[in-house]
Amino acid sequence: MVGKGGVGKSTIASASAVAAARAGERVLLVSLDEAHSLRDVFGADSTDSAGVTGVVGPGSLELREVDTLALAADRWGALTGSVLGPRIAETAGELLPEELTTVPGVQEFLGMAEVADLAGSGRWDRVVIDCPPTGAALRMLEVPTALSAYLERLWPRHRRLGRIPSSARMLAAVGAAEQLESSVSRIGALVGDGARSAVTVVTAPGRVAAAETRRVLTALGLAGPPVHSVVVNRSRGVDGAEAEVYDGLRVVRVPEVEDEPVGVAALVRLSAALGRAAGPAAATASSVRDSAPATSVCLESGAGLDSVYTLSVRLPFADEVQAGRVGDDLVLTVDCVRRRVPLAPVLRRCTVQDAALGEGALRIRFRPDPEVWPL
């Protein structure tokens, strides 16, 4: 669940998790927001060490509020202890976890890595994530790829593994870099797989909220995961503007209620309202699975030096895009959001021919560069 602070994102995430549990699924509800509020939404008396009590149904529901500061300490301790060994760990332990979490993006990366590990454990049928407010959530989706790209440019893998580390601290750094690459791979496999993950954007009614949500949807197009639906919370009726700005997306309107939904009973009622609001247009697993990937490359025509390749980047609702190439990456700027998109290996040996924006996607055509194209 992604949305601006105050729109009811945590409440909608909780109600969705309750609905899945009542349908018979084993559900894990995870908060990555530093200002955790899941237990407040469910009520202090409805949660215990075994999960949420009072959820009627054949499934189960557990809550987890991720503390990325504690997570940094645990993961760093595991690295220095099990990977490096007790003697080296004593020296490498001089690098404190607090030092790691002051580096921009590290906490967001740790949160996403934890989610990827939880989703891959097989303990739950569904993992519902209550993300931080919009800006932090977008950074969270961007950080893993960005960290990996910067690491490869500053300290390429063949260099860090091509020589014996000269000190315990260097060995710790190599181990951390390898763990980072492994985590990035797991996160990428999860986020980029439309059959396993999708985003629900929670917003408020009105034109201002709709305009912001369009920008969020465009940014999500760059980030990778397909969008499952847009939930308009506290809706006071069908707004014609919403029908237009979210054209092509499933829109679920949740009616405004007098009392704030707090506690399991209230969330059960809200989960029923979510289902009724969705109606027959409710998305199925196949509709999420068939979502277009964030980026795709195809051979448009020709062969060899006469080939024409097309790179498609999903950019819903984008009106203007600035694109530039930096080495083997494409740098895209849309509505003050900038993303670095790694080019596929075949495109790294090509030059840009032209580009066009339309139908929710940016399409860039490439031709082979004769100077570097293999003959």
Protein backbone atom coordinates (compact mmCIF):
# COMPACT_ATOMS: atom_id res chain seq x y z
CA MET A 1 0.00 0.00 0.00
CA VAL A 2 1.37 3.36 -1.08
CA GLY A 3 -0.14 6.75 -0.31
CA LYS A 4 0.31 10.18 1.18
CA GLY A 5 0.32 10.48 4.97
CA GLY A 6 -3.16 10.95 6.42
CA VAL A 7 -5.20 9.34 3.63
CA GLY A 8 -5.88 6.17 5.65
CA LYS A 9 -3.22 3.98 4.06
CA SER A 10 -2.57 1.92 7.21
CA THR A 11 -6.31 1.41 7.74
CA ILE A 12 -6.89 0.24 4.16
CA ALA A 13 -3.85 -2.07 4.37
CA SER A 14 -5.21 -3.55 7.61
CA ALA A 15 -8.70 -4.05 6.16
CA SER A 16 -7.24 -5.73 3.05
CA ALA A 17 -5.20 -8.09 5.25
CA VAL A 18 -8.31 -8.92 7.30
CA ALA A 19 -10.27 -9.68 4.11
CA ALA A 20 -7.55 -12.06 2.87
CA ALA A 21 -7.38 -13.84 6.25
CA ARG A 22 -11.15 -14.25 6.36
CA ALA A 23 -10.94 -15.75 2.86
CA GLY A 24 -8.65 -18.49 4.20
CA GLU A 25 -5.17 -17.15 3.49
CA ARG A 26 -2.19 -17.05 5.82
CA VAL A 27 -1.47 -13.33 5.87
CA LEU A 28 1.44 -11.27 7.13
CA LEU A 29 0.83 -7.52 7.51
CA VAL A 30 4.11 -5.59 7.59
CA SER A 31 4.70 -1.94 8.44
CA LEU A 32 7.77 -0.25 6.97
CA ASP A 33 6.67 3.19 8.15
CA GLU A 34 8.90 4.55 10.93
CA ALA A 35 5.75 5.93 12.59
CA HIS A 36 4.20 2.48 13.03
CA SER A 37 0.44 2.51 13.61
CA LEU A 38 -0.79 -1.00 12.78
CA ARG A 39 -1.30 -2.02 16.39
CA ASP A 40 -3.17 1.23 16.99
CA VAL A 41 -5.45 0.45 14.03
CA PHE A 42 -6.21 -3.04 15.32
CA GLY A 43 -6.48 -1.97 18.94
CA ALA A 44 -4.16 -3.00 21.74
CA ASP A 45 -6.49 -5.77 22.97
CA SER A 46 -6.68 -7.55 19.60
CA THR A 47 -2.98 -8.34 19.12
CA ASP A 48 -0.66 -10.77 20.87
CA SER A 49 2.53 -12.68 20.13
CA ALA A 50 0.60 -15.18 17.99
CA GLY A 51 -0.98 -12.57 15.74
CA VAL A 52 -4.38 -10.90 15.57
CA THR A 53 -7.23 -12.38 17.59
CA GLY A 54 -10.88 -12.08 16.65
CA VAL A 55 -10.44 -12.48 12.87
CA VAL A 56 -13.22 -14.91 12.04
CA GLY A 57 -12.27 -17.22 9.18
CA PRO A 58 -10.15 -20.20 8.23
CA GLY A 59 -7.02 -18.12 7.62
CA SER A 60 -4.62 -16.34 9.96
CA LEU A 61 -3.17 -12.86 10.33
CA GLU A 62 0.14 -11.77 11.83
CA LEU A 63 1.51 -8.26 12.31
CA ARG A 64 5.11 -7.16 12.05
CA GLU A 65 6.42 -3.62 12.48
CA VAL A 66 9.95 -3.56 11.05
CA ASP A 67 12.56 -1.61 13.01
CA THR A 68 15.28 -0.90 10.43
CA LEU A 69 17.71 0.35 13.10
CA ALA A 70 17.51 -2.95 14.98
CA LEU A 71 17.62 -4.77 11.64
CA ALA A 72 20.92 -3.08 10.76
CA ALA A 73 22.43 -4.24 14.05
CA ASP A 74 21.22 -7.82 13.55
CA ARG A 75 22.43 -8.11 9.96
CA TRP A 76 25.79 -6.52 10.66
CA GLY A 77 26.28 -8.81 13.64
CA ALA A 78 25.42 -11.85 11.50
CA LEU A 79 27.90 -10.75 8.85
CA THR A 80 30.80 -10.11 11.19
CA GLY A 81 30.06 -13.21 13.26
CA SER A 82 29.14 -15.99 10.86
CA VAL A 83 30.75 -14.88 7.61
CA LEU A 84 34.01 -13.47 8.93
CA GLY A 85 34.57 -15.63 11.98
CA PRO A 86 34.96 -14.63 15.65
CA ARG A 87 38.56 -13.35 15.48
CA ILE A 88 38.02 -11.11 12.48
CA ALA A 89 34.61 -10.06 13.79
CA GLU A 90 36.29 -8.54 16.84
CA THR A 91 38.15 -6.11 14.57
CA ALA A 92 35.37 -5.61 12.02
CA GLY A 93 32.95 -4.97 14.87
CA GLU A 94 34.54 -1.54 15.26
CA LEU A 95 32.24 -0.55 12.40
CA LEU A 96 29.04 0.17 14.32
CA PRO A 97 25.55 -0.44 12.89
CA GLU A 98 24.75 3.18 13.72
CA GLU A 99 27.37 4.17 11.14
CA LEU A 100 25.60 2.14 8.46
CA THR A 101 22.14 3.62 9.06
CA THR A 102 23.37 7.18 8.66
CA VAL A 103 24.20 6.46 5.01
CA PRO A 104 21.29 7.72 2.82
CA GLY A 105 19.11 4.89 1.55
CA VAL A 106 20.43 2.16 3.84
CA GLN A 107 17.31 1.98 6.02
CA GLU A 108 15.03 1.87 2.97
CA PHE A 109 17.19 -0.87 1.49
CA LEU A 110 17.09 -2.92 4.69
CA GLY A 111 13.31 -2.63 4.81
CA MET A 112 12.93 -3.91 1.25
CA ALA A 113 15.44 -6.71 1.86
CA GLU A 114 13.47 -7.82 4.92
CA VAL A 115 10.24 -7.88 2.90
CA ALA A 116 11.87 -9.93 0.14
CA ASP A 117 13.12 -12.45 2.71
CA LEU A 118 9.72 -12.68 4.42
CA ALA A 119 7.87 -13.10 1.11
CA GLY A 120 10.31 -15.81 0.02
CA SER A 121 10.06 -17.80 3.25
CA GLY A 122 6.88 -19.63 2.22
CA ARG A 123 5.27 -19.12 5.64
CA TRP A 124 2.49 -16.91 4.29
CA ASP A 125 0.20 -16.94 1.28
CA ARG A 126 0.07 -13.14 1.15
CA VAL A 127 2.28 -10.35 2.51
CA VAL A 128 0.58 -6.95 2.75
CA ILE A 129 3.00 -4.04 3.16
CA ASP A 130 2.07 -0.73 4.76
CA CYS A 131 4.69 1.50 3.13
CA PRO A 132 5.91 4.86 4.43
CA PRO A 133 4.35 8.03 2.96
CA THR A 134 4.64 8.45 -0.80
CA GLY A 135 8.07 10.10 -1.12
CA ALA A 136 9.80 7.60 1.17
CA ALA A 137 7.97 4.69 -0.46
CA LEU A 138 9.20 5.69 -3.92
CA ARG A 139 12.76 5.99 -2.60
CA MET A 140 12.38 2.56 -1.02
CA LEU A 141 11.56 1.05 -4.41
CA GLU A 142 14.40 2.92 -6.11
CA VAL A 143 17.20 2.48 -3.56
CA PRO A 144 18.11 -1.22 -4.12
CA THR A 145 18.85 -0.78 -7.82
CA ALA A 146 20.57 2.56 -7.24
CA LEU A 147 22.83 1.17 -4.51
CA SER A 148 23.80 -1.79 -6.68
CA ALA A 149 24.56 0.46 -9.66
CA TYR A 150 26.69 2.85 -7.59
CA LEU A 151 28.54 -0.05 -5.98
CA GLU A 152 29.35 -1.57 -9.37
CA ARG A 153 30.67 1.74 -10.71
CA LEU A 154 32.71 2.62 -7.62
CA TRP A 155 33.90 -0.90 -6.77
CA PRO A 156 33.28 -3.39 -9.61
CA ARG A 157 32.74 -6.97 -8.58
CA HIS A 158 35.70 -8.31 -10.54
CA ARG A 159 37.97 -5.95 -8.59
CA ARG A 160 36.67 -6.66 -5.11
CA LEU A 161 36.78 -10.44 -5.67
CA GLY A 162 39.95 -10.46 -7.76
CA ARG A 163 42.37 -9.98 -4.86
CA ILE A 164 42.76 -11.17 -1.28
CA PRO A 165 41.48 -8.55 1.21
CA SER A 166 44.37 -6.80 2.96
CA SER A 167 42.64 -6.38 6.33
CA ALA A 168 39.71 -7.55 8.40
CA ARG A 169 37.91 -4.32 7.66
CA MET A 170 38.34 -4.85 3.92
CA LEU A 171 37.11 -8.44 4.24
CA ALA A 172 34.05 -7.15 6.06
CA ALA A 173 33.45 -4.62 3.28
CA VAL A 174 33.68 -7.33 0.61
CA GLY A 175 31.26 -9.53 2.55
CA ALA A 176 28.82 -6.65 2.96
CA ALA A 177 29.02 -5.85 -0.76
CA GLU A 178 28.27 -9.46 -1.68
CA GLN A 179 25.32 -9.55 0.70
CA LEU A 180 24.06 -6.31 -0.83
CA GLU A 181 24.20 -7.80 -4.33
CA SER A 182 22.38 -10.91 -3.16
CA SER A 183 19.66 -8.85 -1.49
CA VAL A 184 19.27 -6.63 -4.55
CA SER A 185 18.75 -9.74 -6.67
CA ARG A 186 16.01 -11.02 -4.34
CA ILE A 187 14.30 -7.62 -4.18
CA GLY A 188 14.42 -7.23 -7.96
CA ALA A 189 12.96 -10.69 -8.50
CA LEU A 190 10.07 -9.86 -6.15
CA VAL A 191 9.29 -6.31 -7.28
CA GLY A 192 9.65 -7.02 -10.99
CA ASP A 193 7.42 -10.11 -10.99
CA GLY A 194 3.82 -9.08 -11.71
CA ALA A 195 2.65 -12.57 -10.71
CA ARG A 196 3.98 -12.06 -7.17
CA SER A 197 3.67 -8.37 -6.36
CA ALA A 198 1.59 -5.31 -7.17
CA VAL A 199 0.94 -1.89 -5.68
CA THR A 200 -2.31 -0.43 -4.41
CA VAL A 201 -2.29 3.37 -4.26
CA VAL A 202 -4.48 4.86 -1.52
CA THR A 203 -5.64 8.42 -2.06
CA ALA A 204 -8.30 10.93 -1.03
CA PRO A 205 -11.20 12.33 -3.09
CA GLY A 206 -10.82 15.59 -4.96
CA ARG A 207 -8.89 17.09 -7.84
CA VAL A 208 -5.76 18.03 -5.89
CA ALA A 209 -5.36 14.48 -4.54
CA ALA A 210 -6.08 13.08 -8.00
CA ALA A 211 -3.36 15.21 -9.59
CA GLU A 212 -0.82 14.05 -7.00
CA THR A 213 -1.85 10.43 -7.47
CA ARG A 214 -1.26 10.68 -11.22
CA ARG A 215 2.31 11.78 -10.51
CA VAL A 216 2.72 8.88 -8.08
CA LEU A 217 1.46 6.42 -10.69
CA THR A 218 3.95 7.78 -13.23
CA ALA A 219 6.79 7.44 -10.72
CA LEU A 220 5.69 3.88 -9.94
CA GLY A 221 5.92 3.14 -13.65
CA LEU A 222 9.61 3.95 -13.42
CA ALA A 223 10.07 2.03 -10.16
CA GLY A 224 8.90 -1.27 -11.56
CA PRO A 225 5.97 -2.97 -9.78
CA PRO A 226 2.61 -3.03 -11.59
CA VAL A 227 -0.31 -1.13 -10.04
CA HIS A 228 -3.18 -3.30 -8.85
CA SER A 229 -5.71 -0.54 -8.15
CA VAL A 230 -6.35 2.95 -6.81
CA VAL A 231 -8.38 3.16 -3.59
CA VAL A 232 -10.17 6.46 -3.05
CA ASN A 233 -10.70 6.48 0.70
CA ARG A 234 -13.46 8.44 2.45
CA SER A 235 -15.20 8.95 -0.87
CA ARG A 236 -18.39 11.02 -0.83
CA GLY A 237 -19.68 9.71 -4.11
CA VAL A 238 -18.51 9.14 -7.67
CA ASP A 239 -16.37 12.04 -8.83
CA GLY A 240 -16.31 12.45 -12.60
CA ALA A 241 -12.77 13.81 -12.47
CA GLU A 242 -11.55 10.59 -10.84
CA ALA A 243 -13.05 8.50 -13.63
CA GLU A 244 -11.04 10.50 -16.14
CA VAL A 245 -7.66 10.82 -14.42
CA TYR A 246 -7.47 7.11 -13.54
CA ASP A 247 -8.60 5.95 -16.97
CA GLY A 248 -7.54 2.36 -17.53
CA LEU A 249 -6.98 1.56 -13.86
CA ARG A 250 -9.29 -0.19 -11.44
CA VAL A 251 -10.69 2.39 -9.00
CA VAL A 252 -12.20 1.32 -5.66
CA ARG A 253 -14.14 3.96 -3.73
CA VAL A 254 -14.49 3.45 0.02
CA PRO A 255 -17.37 5.45 1.52
CA GLU A 256 -16.74 7.90 4.33
CA VAL A 257 -17.90 6.67 7.75
CA GLU A 258 -18.72 8.59 10.90
CA ASP A 259 -16.47 6.68 13.29
CA GLU A 260 -12.78 5.96 12.68
CA PRO A 261 -12.35 2.23 11.91
CA VAL A 262 -10.38 0.95 14.94
CA GLY A 263 -10.37 -2.66 16.09
CA VAL A 264 -10.98 -5.98 14.38
CA ALA A 265 -14.78 -5.63 14.16
CA ALA A 266 -14.52 -2.25 12.43
CA LEU A 267 -11.87 -3.57 10.04
CA VAL A 268 -14.09 -6.55 9.17
CA ARG A 269 -16.87 -4.13 8.21
CA LEU A 270 -14.42 -2.03 6.20
CA SER A 271 -13.06 -5.10 4.42
CA ALA A 272 -16.62 -5.94 3.37
CA ALA A 273 -17.05 -2.38 2.08
CA LEU A 274 -13.83 -2.74 0.08
CA GLY A 275 -15.22 -5.86 -1.56
CA ARG A 276 -18.61 -4.26 -2.33
CA ALA A 277 -16.95 -1.14 -3.73
CA ALA A 278 -14.79 -3.23 -6.02
CA GLY A 279 -17.82 -4.93 -7.55
CA PRO A 280 -17.42 -7.15 -10.63
CA ALA A 281 -14.30 -5.26 -11.73
CA ALA A 282 -12.25 -6.80 -8.92
CA ALA A 283 -8.82 -7.74 -10.19
CA THR A 284 -7.81 -11.38 -10.31
CA ALA A 285 -4.37 -12.89 -10.04
CA SER A 286 -4.24 -13.25 -13.81
CA SER A 287 -4.97 -9.56 -14.38
CA VAL A 288 -2.02 -8.65 -12.20
CA ARG A 289 0.14 -11.27 -13.86
CA ASP A 290 -0.61 -9.84 -17.31
CA SER A 291 0.48 -6.31 -16.37
CA ALA A 292 3.11 -4.88 -18.68
CA PRO A 293 6.66 -4.98 -17.31
CA ALA A 294 8.29 -1.70 -16.31
CA THR A 295 10.78 -2.01 -19.17
CA SER A 296 10.97 -4.33 -22.14
CA VAL A 297 13.20 -4.71 -25.20
CA CYS A 298 12.23 -6.19 -28.53
CA LEU A 299 13.78 -6.60 -31.96
CA GLU A 300 11.59 -4.45 -34.18
CA SER A 301 13.13 -5.31 -37.54
CA GLY A 302 16.26 -6.27 -39.46
CA ALA A 303 19.34 -8.27 -38.50
CA GLY A 304 22.98 -7.54 -37.69
CA LEU A 305 23.96 -3.91 -38.32
CA ASP A 306 20.54 -3.31 -39.90
CA SER A 307 18.68 -4.25 -36.72
CA VAL A 308 16.28 -1.88 -34.98
CA TYR A 309 15.61 -2.50 -31.28
CA THR A 310 12.84 -0.84 -29.26
CA LEU A 311 13.05 -0.14 -25.54
CA SER A 312 9.64 0.44 -23.92
CA VAL A 313 9.39 2.08 -20.49
CA ARG A 314 5.98 2.07 -18.78
CA LEU A 315 5.07 5.70 -17.93
CA PRO A 316 1.33 6.06 -17.31
CA PHE A 317 -0.06 9.61 -17.35
CA ALA A 318 3.29 11.18 -18.30
CA ASP A 319 2.95 14.30 -20.47
CA GLU A 320 6.64 15.11 -20.87
CA VAL A 321 9.85 13.12 -20.40
CA GLN A 322 13.47 14.19 -20.45
CA ALA A 323 15.82 11.37 -21.40
CA GLY A 324 19.58 11.15 -21.53
CA ARG A 325 22.19 8.43 -21.71
CA VAL A 326 25.04 8.10 -19.22
CA GLY A 327 27.33 5.21 -20.08
CA ASP A 328 25.28 2.01 -20.00
CA ASP A 329 22.30 3.65 -18.29
CA LEU A 330 19.31 5.66 -19.42
CA VAL A 331 18.44 8.65 -17.18
CA LEU A 332 14.75 9.60 -17.26
CA THR A 333 13.18 12.67 -15.64
CA VAL A 334 9.40 12.85 -15.30
CA ASP A 335 7.51 15.36 -13.15
CA CYS A 336 10.57 16.12 -11.00
CA VAL A 337 11.22 12.40 -10.49
CA ARG A 338 14.49 11.06 -11.90
CA ARG A 339 15.37 7.42 -12.37
CA ARG A 340 18.42 5.66 -13.77
CA VAL A 341 17.38 2.70 -15.92
CA PRO A 342 20.13 0.17 -16.75
CA LEU A 343 20.19 -0.67 -20.46
CA ALA A 344 19.95 -4.27 -21.61
CA PRO A 345 23.34 -5.64 -22.81
CA VAL A 346 22.29 -5.57 -26.47
CA LEU A 347 21.39 -1.85 -26.24
CA ARG A 348 24.74 -0.92 -24.73
CA ARG A 349 26.27 -1.56 -28.17
CA CYS A 350 23.68 0.63 -29.88
CA THR A 351 22.99 4.31 -30.47
CA VAL A 352 19.64 6.07 -30.09
CA GLN A 353 17.73 6.62 -33.33
CA ASP A 354 14.53 8.30 -32.08
CA ALA A 355 12.00 8.33 -29.23
CA ALA A 356 8.24 8.76 -28.83
CA LEU A 357 5.89 9.09 -25.85
CA GLY A 358 2.33 7.81 -26.08
CA GLU A 359 -0.22 5.28 -24.82
CA GLY A 360 1.33 5.27 -21.35
CA ALA A 361 4.83 4.34 -22.44
CA LEU A 362 8.09 5.85 -23.68
CA ARG A 363 9.48 4.00 -26.70
CA ILE A 364 13.10 4.52 -27.74
CA ARG A 365 14.50 2.97 -30.91
CA PHE A 366 18.14 1.89 -31.11
CA ARG A 367 20.45 0.94 -33.97
CA PRO A 368 23.74 -1.01 -33.63
CA ASP A 369 26.91 1.04 -33.35
CA PRO A 370 29.27 -0.29 -36.09
CA GLU A 371 32.33 0.50 -33.95
CA VAL A 372 31.39 -1.88 -31.14
CA TRP A 373 28.88 -4.26 -32.72
CA PRO A 374 30.25 -7.83 -33.03
CA LEU A 375 30.53 -9.01 -36.64
